[in-house]
Amino acid sequence: MDTSKNRLVDYALYLLLFFGFTYILFLNPGKSRALLSLRMSQCQTSKTTQYQMAVYRDKLDEALSTSSTENKTLIICIVNKAYVEGDKPMLDLFLDGFWVGKDTKTLINHLLIVAMDQTSYERCKFLKLHCYKLETDDVDFVSEKLYMSGDFIKMMWRRTLFLRDVLKHGYNFIYTDTDVLWLRNPFPHLSLNKTMDLQISTDHFNGNQWSEANPINTGFYMINSNNKTIALFDSWYANKDNSTGLKEQDVLVRLMHQGLFRKLGLKVRFLDTVYFSGFCQDSRDVRAVTTVHANCCRSITAKLADLTAVIHDWKRYKGSSDNQTLTFRWSNHTACRNSWRH
């Protein structure tokens, strides 16, 4: 008896579905076309998105594989129009460092320039470097972004998102700001051990390479791609919208002090300014200095002036005798010091 009832119910449901479908398809064609159009639109949008992601991935994969070493390691810097224009653009000065540096010329073969606009991309291609055009979702990253301005903060977060994608592609990298001069090959002073997850520069080194009390600077660091470092970037970027008025570096510092590095089991080394120096704290040994970062500086104009002085200091050192080396002094970073007054 129950079986017969169930069959009757099933039969009634089938009839309702049949008549409902017939009504939509034949008696109300307008609604039918609307539903079909919506479905086709959704399919088209999905296909377009998939195509865009495929193109993005293909181009990024190509750029990464072309510029990396056999162990999937490369050097990345990010530029926009403000860094490639002028009598002596910042990008040109950055490349000068590789030219006058010690054992740095061949490193250019593994340098990927990431351009945030068409002008900087074209300049990169003209210089015959490894270049990648970063899509920025119609956000204006063309002009100079003054330190801590709203657009500066947006640009730093876009950078973080891109670098997370690089890690997810399985590539290790040194990220370097364009205002970092490479005067020596840094790899002899960096651990190449795969257990070392992150090695990051500091504004002032406190003497302990494992101390989280060191004030970090995200303008130069080396990172290995693994589940822990990807999780770090996931957590870092996830805090973007909860950090109004903070740049991405401030957020990373906060997460570090909240114990995220330890929670993820990250092995992090903080780099000594004797080797990885900057305008915040000069290297005290020109015979050991590897990089010089124009940190503690507000504008591109000021950075250009004082980094040019660093190039002159470096050339003076290279042409000096051992006795003169003992009395070597860096030029004052006057332009950068004055940049904070405007």
Protein backbone atom coordinates (compact mmCIF):
# COMPACT_ATOMS: atom_id res chain seq x y z
CA MET A 1 0.00 0.00 0.00
CA ASP A 2 2.79 2.42 0.97
CA THR A 3 4.62 1.56 -2.24
CA SER A 4 1.57 2.49 -4.36
CA LYS A 5 1.24 5.82 -2.56
CA ASN A 6 4.92 6.60 -3.13
CA ARG A 7 4.54 5.86 -6.81
CA LEU A 8 1.53 8.19 -7.07
CA VAL A 9 3.48 10.97 -5.36
CA ASP A 10 6.44 10.48 -7.69
CA TYR A 11 4.12 10.50 -10.70
CA ALA A 12 2.49 13.75 -9.58
CA LEU A 13 5.89 15.41 -9.08
CA TYR A 14 6.99 14.38 -12.56
CA LEU A 15 3.82 15.86 -14.05
CA LEU A 16 4.32 19.16 -12.20
CA LEU A 17 7.91 19.41 -13.41
CA PHE A 18 6.86 18.61 -16.98
CA PHE A 19 4.10 21.23 -17.10
CA GLY A 20 6.31 23.80 -15.38
CA PHE A 21 9.08 23.32 -17.92
CA THR A 22 6.57 23.43 -20.79
CA TYR A 23 5.12 26.73 -19.50
CA ILE A 24 8.54 28.41 -19.26
CA LEU A 25 9.74 27.13 -22.60
CA PHE A 26 6.63 27.61 -24.77
CA LEU A 27 3.97 29.71 -23.02
CA ASN A 28 6.42 32.27 -21.54
CA PRO A 29 9.33 32.48 -24.04
CA GLY A 30 10.51 35.87 -22.70
CA LYS A 31 11.37 34.39 -19.34
CA SER A 32 12.91 31.37 -21.00
CA ARG A 33 15.19 33.57 -23.11
CA ALA A 34 16.13 35.59 -20.02
CA LEU A 35 17.12 32.47 -18.11
CA LEU A 36 19.07 31.14 -21.09
CA SER A 37 20.76 34.52 -21.59
CA LEU A 38 21.74 34.69 -17.91
CA ARG A 39 23.22 31.21 -18.04
CA MET A 40 25.17 32.01 -21.21
CA SER A 41 26.40 35.27 -19.66
CA GLN A 42 27.60 33.41 -16.56
CA CYS A 43 29.39 30.86 -18.73
CA GLN A 44 30.99 33.59 -20.82
CA THR A 45 32.16 35.51 -17.72
CA SER A 46 33.57 32.32 -16.24
CA LYS A 47 35.40 31.50 -19.49
CA THR A 48 36.79 35.06 -19.72
CA THR A 49 38.05 34.94 -16.13
CA GLN A 50 39.59 31.52 -16.70
CA TYR A 51 41.27 32.77 -19.87
CA GLN A 52 42.65 35.87 -18.13
CA MET A 53 44.02 33.74 -15.27
CA ALA A 54 45.57 31.31 -17.77
CA VAL A 55 47.27 34.15 -19.66
CA TYR A 56 48.49 35.67 -16.38
CA ARG A 57 49.88 32.35 -15.23
CA ASP A 58 51.50 31.56 -18.58
CA LYS A 59 53.26 34.94 -18.74
CA LEU A 60 54.33 34.84 -15.11
CA ASP A 61 55.57 31.26 -15.39
CA GLU A 62 57.55 32.21 -18.46
CA ALA A 63 59.08 35.28 -16.80
CA LEU A 64 60.03 33.35 -13.67
CA SER A 65 61.50 30.35 -15.46
CA THR A 66 63.48 32.51 -17.88
CA SER A 67 65.13 34.62 -15.17
CA SER A 68 65.68 32.04 -12.43
CA THR A 69 68.61 29.75 -11.69
CA GLU A 70 68.46 25.97 -11.96
CA ASN A 71 67.28 25.75 -8.35
CA LYS A 72 64.40 28.17 -9.09
CA THR A 73 65.91 31.24 -7.41
CA LEU A 74 65.82 34.76 -8.81
CA ILE A 75 66.12 38.46 -7.92
CA ILE A 76 63.00 40.61 -8.17
CA CYS A 77 62.54 44.36 -8.13
CA ILE A 78 59.39 46.35 -8.90
CA VAL A 79 59.32 49.68 -10.76
CA ASN A 80 56.85 52.24 -12.08
CA LYS A 81 57.09 55.19 -14.43
CA ALA A 82 58.56 57.46 -11.73
CA TYR A 83 61.58 55.12 -11.49
CA VAL A 84 62.42 55.07 -15.21
CA GLU A 85 62.08 58.72 -16.25
CA GLY A 86 64.33 61.74 -15.78
CA ASP A 87 67.94 62.65 -16.57
CA LYS A 88 69.19 59.79 -14.40
CA PRO A 89 66.32 57.45 -13.49
CA MET A 90 66.40 55.35 -10.34
CA LEU A 91 66.36 52.14 -12.39
CA ASP A 92 69.50 53.24 -14.26
CA LEU A 93 71.28 54.04 -11.00
CA PHE A 94 70.19 50.67 -9.59
CA LEU A 95 71.75 48.94 -12.62
CA ASP A 96 74.92 51.02 -12.20
CA GLY A 97 75.44 49.25 -8.89
CA PHE A 98 75.63 45.89 -10.66
CA TRP A 99 78.09 47.38 -13.16
CA VAL A 100 80.54 48.90 -10.64
CA GLY A 101 79.99 46.27 -7.94
CA LYS A 102 82.26 43.34 -7.21
CA ASP A 103 81.13 40.01 -8.71
CA THR A 104 77.68 41.45 -9.47
CA LYS A 105 77.55 41.80 -13.27
CA THR A 106 76.35 38.25 -13.96
CA LEU A 107 73.56 38.58 -11.39
CA ILE A 108 71.69 40.69 -13.95
CA ASN A 109 70.98 37.40 -15.77
CA HIS A 110 68.71 36.41 -12.89
CA LEU A 111 67.09 39.81 -12.26
CA LEU A 112 63.39 40.14 -13.06
CA ILE A 113 62.07 43.69 -13.40
CA VAL A 114 58.35 43.83 -12.58
CA ALA A 115 56.75 46.87 -14.24
CA MET A 116 53.57 48.40 -12.84
CA ASP A 117 52.78 50.42 -15.97
CA GLN A 118 53.41 50.41 -19.70
CA THR A 119 56.15 53.07 -19.65
CA SER A 120 58.33 51.22 -17.16
CA TYR A 121 57.71 47.95 -19.03
CA GLU A 122 58.84 49.48 -22.32
CA ARG A 123 61.93 50.95 -20.65
CA CYS A 124 62.78 47.54 -19.21
CA LYS A 125 62.43 45.89 -22.61
CA PHE A 126 64.60 48.62 -24.18
CA LEU A 127 67.34 47.81 -21.65
CA LYS A 128 67.05 44.12 -22.71
CA LEU A 129 66.36 42.90 -19.18
CA HIS A 130 64.01 40.18 -17.98
CA CYS A 131 60.68 42.03 -17.73
CA TYR A 132 57.17 41.27 -16.52
CA LYS A 133 54.16 43.57 -16.79
CA LEU A 134 52.10 43.44 -13.59
CA GLU A 135 48.37 43.97 -14.02
CA THR A 136 47.16 46.53 -11.47
CA ASP A 137 43.35 46.48 -11.96
CA ASP A 138 43.25 50.04 -13.36
CA VAL A 139 44.82 51.50 -10.19
CA ASP A 140 47.23 54.37 -10.92
CA PHE A 141 50.70 53.26 -9.85
CA VAL A 142 52.43 55.42 -12.47
CA SER A 143 53.57 58.51 -10.57
CA GLU A 144 55.85 58.78 -7.56
CA LYS A 145 54.16 57.67 -4.34
CA LEU A 146 55.48 59.60 -1.37
CA TYR A 147 56.39 57.55 1.66
CA MET A 148 53.31 56.65 3.75
CA SER A 149 50.82 58.31 1.39
CA GLY A 150 47.61 56.39 0.67
CA ASP A 151 48.78 55.42 -2.81
CA PHE A 152 52.17 54.36 -1.43
CA ILE A 153 50.46 51.96 0.96
CA LYS A 154 48.26 50.54 -1.83
CA MET A 155 51.34 49.99 -4.00
CA MET A 156 53.13 48.13 -1.19
CA TRP A 157 50.17 45.79 -0.73
CA ARG A 158 49.99 45.10 -4.46
CA ARG A 159 53.66 44.21 -4.28
CA THR A 160 53.01 41.81 -1.39
CA LEU A 161 50.22 40.08 -3.30
CA PHE A 162 52.44 39.60 -6.36
CA LEU A 163 55.34 38.22 -4.32
CA ARG A 164 52.96 35.75 -2.68
CA ASP A 165 52.07 34.53 -6.20
CA VAL A 166 55.77 34.01 -6.92
CA LEU A 167 56.12 31.85 -3.80
CA LYS A 168 53.04 29.86 -4.80
CA HIS A 169 54.68 29.18 -8.16
CA GLY A 170 57.49 27.46 -6.23
CA TYR A 171 60.22 30.08 -6.72
CA ASN A 172 62.70 31.35 -4.12
CA PHE A 173 63.78 34.95 -4.51
CA ILE A 174 65.64 37.94 -3.22
CA TYR A 175 63.33 40.91 -3.25
CA THR A 176 65.17 44.21 -3.58
CA ASP A 177 63.86 47.75 -3.75
CA THR A 178 65.22 49.74 -6.67
CA ASP A 179 66.89 52.15 -4.23
CA VAL A 180 69.27 49.41 -3.05
CA LEU A 181 72.77 49.46 -4.56
CA TRP A 182 74.38 46.03 -4.90
CA LEU A 183 78.11 46.71 -4.39
CA ARG A 184 79.07 43.07 -3.84
CA ASN A 185 77.50 39.71 -4.56
CA PRO A 186 75.29 39.13 -1.48
CA PHE A 187 75.04 35.35 -1.75
CA PRO A 188 78.26 34.61 0.20
CA HIS A 189 76.65 36.41 3.17
CA LEU A 190 73.28 34.69 2.83
CA SER A 191 72.50 31.16 3.95
CA LEU A 192 71.57 28.94 1.02
CA ASN A 193 70.32 26.22 3.37
CA LYS A 194 66.73 25.31 2.52
CA THR A 195 65.85 25.23 6.23
CA MET A 196 66.38 29.01 6.34
CA ASP A 197 62.96 30.36 5.47
CA LEU A 198 63.51 34.12 5.53
CA GLN A 199 66.55 36.43 5.74
CA ILE A 200 65.55 40.05 6.04
CA SER A 201 67.35 43.38 6.25
CA THR A 202 67.19 45.69 9.25
CA ASP A 203 67.21 49.45 9.71
CA HIS A 204 69.41 49.08 12.80
CA PHE A 205 71.07 45.79 13.71
CA ASN A 206 71.07 44.95 17.43
CA GLY A 207 73.92 42.42 17.24
CA ASN A 208 71.76 39.27 17.38
CA GLN A 209 70.85 37.74 14.01
CA TRP A 210 67.99 35.74 15.58
CA SER A 211 66.41 38.55 17.61
CA GLU A 212 62.89 39.67 16.69
CA ALA A 213 63.71 42.96 18.37
CA ASN A 214 65.60 43.97 15.22
CA PRO A 215 63.65 46.62 13.24
CA ILE A 216 63.06 44.85 9.93
CA ASN A 217 62.98 46.44 6.48
CA THR A 218 61.09 44.74 3.64
CA GLY A 219 63.18 46.57 1.03
CA PHE A 220 65.63 43.67 0.87
CA TYR A 221 65.09 40.05 1.86
CA MET A 222 65.65 36.51 0.68
CA ILE A 223 62.87 33.95 1.06
CA ASN A 224 62.48 30.27 0.20
CA SER A 225 59.22 28.95 -1.21
CA ASN A 226 57.56 26.42 1.08
CA ASN A 227 54.28 25.90 2.92
CA LYS A 228 55.42 28.00 5.89
CA THR A 229 56.44 31.06 3.89
CA ILE A 230 53.28 30.89 1.76
CA ALA A 231 51.24 30.74 4.98
CA LEU A 232 53.17 33.79 6.21
CA PHE A 233 52.25 35.78 3.09
CA ASP A 234 48.64 34.57 3.30
CA SER A 235 48.35 35.84 6.88
CA TRP A 236 50.23 39.02 6.03
CA TYR A 237 48.00 39.94 3.09
CA ALA A 238 44.85 38.91 4.98
CA ASN A 239 45.57 41.77 7.42
CA LYS A 240 45.55 44.41 4.65
CA ASP A 241 42.02 45.70 5.35
CA ASN A 242 42.47 45.66 9.13
CA SER A 243 45.49 47.95 9.13
CA THR A 244 44.33 51.42 8.13
CA GLY A 245 47.20 53.88 7.94
CA LEU A 246 49.86 51.17 8.23
CA LYS A 247 52.20 50.15 5.43
CA GLU A 248 52.74 46.49 4.76
CA GLN A 249 56.05 46.49 6.65
CA ASP A 250 54.35 47.77 9.81
CA VAL A 251 51.81 44.95 9.57
CA LEU A 252 54.56 42.33 9.22
CA VAL A 253 56.32 43.76 12.27
CA ARG A 254 53.07 43.56 14.24
CA LEU A 255 52.49 39.95 13.19
CA MET A 256 56.07 39.07 14.14
CA HIS A 257 55.64 40.58 17.61
CA GLN A 258 52.35 38.71 17.96
CA GLY A 259 54.30 35.48 17.52
CA LEU A 260 53.35 34.52 13.97
CA PHE A 261 56.92 33.59 12.98
CA ARG A 262 57.15 31.15 15.89
CA LYS A 263 53.61 29.85 15.35
CA LEU A 264 54.41 28.95 11.75
CA GLY A 265 57.76 27.44 12.72
CA LEU A 266 59.68 29.88 10.53
CA LYS A 267 63.43 30.10 10.73
CA VAL A 268 64.17 33.80 10.27
CA ARG A 269 67.55 35.50 10.21
CA PHE A 270 67.97 39.26 10.61
CA LEU A 271 70.76 40.69 8.47
CA ASP A 272 73.70 42.63 9.87
CA THR A 273 74.04 46.22 8.59
CA VAL A 274 77.81 45.71 8.32
CA TYR A 275 76.96 43.75 5.16
CA PHE A 276 73.42 44.88 4.31
CA SER A 277 73.50 48.54 5.18
CA GLY A 278 71.38 51.61 4.60
CA PHE A 279 71.09 55.30 5.30
CA CYS A 280 69.47 54.52 8.65
CA GLN A 281 72.69 52.80 9.72
CA ASP A 282 75.80 52.94 7.52
CA SER A 283 78.07 49.94 7.27
CA ARG A 284 81.10 50.53 9.44
CA ASP A 285 83.30 48.43 7.14
CA VAL A 286 83.56 49.35 3.45
CA ARG A 287 85.64 46.18 2.94
CA ALA A 288 82.60 44.07 3.86
CA VAL A 289 79.58 46.10 2.74
CA THR A 290 77.38 44.29 0.22
CA THR A 291 74.29 46.46 -0.29
CA VAL A 292 73.40 50.07 0.51
CA HIS A 293 69.71 50.92 0.86
CA ALA A 294 68.38 54.49 0.66
CA ASN A 295 66.09 53.90 3.63
CA CYS A 296 65.18 56.65 6.11
CA CYS A 297 64.53 58.82 3.05
CA ARG A 298 61.25 60.27 1.76
CA SER A 299 61.54 61.16 -1.94
CA ILE A 300 63.02 59.74 -5.14
CA THR A 301 64.93 62.98 -5.80
CA ALA A 302 66.67 62.76 -2.43
CA LYS A 303 67.42 59.06 -2.87
CA LEU A 304 68.96 59.70 -6.29
CA ALA A 305 71.22 62.44 -4.93
CA ASP A 306 72.53 60.45 -1.99
CA LEU A 307 72.84 57.12 -3.84
CA THR A 308 74.87 58.91 -6.52
CA ALA A 309 77.18 60.01 -3.71
CA VAL A 310 77.42 56.35 -2.62
CA ILE A 311 78.50 55.36 -6.13
CA HIS A 312 81.22 58.06 -6.00
CA ASP A 313 82.29 56.86 -2.54
CA TRP A 314 82.52 53.29 -3.83
CA LYS A 315 84.63 54.29 -6.82
CA ARG A 316 86.88 56.30 -4.52
CA TYR A 317 87.30 53.25 -2.29
CA LYS A 318 88.10 50.94 -5.22
CA GLY A 319 90.79 53.31 -6.42
CA SER A 320 92.35 53.82 -2.99
CA SER A 321 95.28 52.13 -1.22
CA ASP A 322 94.92 49.99 1.90
CA ASN A 323 96.03 52.92 4.08
CA GLN A 324 93.27 55.13 2.69
CA THR A 325 90.72 52.40 3.27
CA LEU A 326 91.34 52.62 7.00
CA THR A 327 90.23 56.25 7.00
CA PHE A 328 87.27 55.77 4.60
CA ARG A 329 84.06 57.61 5.45
CA TRP A 330 80.70 57.58 3.68
CA SER A 331 79.39 60.90 2.44
CA ASN A 332 76.63 62.46 4.52
CA HIS A 333 73.12 61.62 3.35
CA THR A 334 72.17 65.27 3.30
CA ALA A 335 69.42 65.17 0.68
CA CYS A 336 67.59 62.35 2.45
CA ARG A 337 67.91 64.02 5.82
CA ASN A 338 66.43 67.20 4.35
CA SER A 339 63.64 65.30 2.56
CA TRP A 340 61.72 65.02 5.83
CA ARG A 341 61.44 68.80 6.14
CA HIS A 342 59.10 69.15 3.16
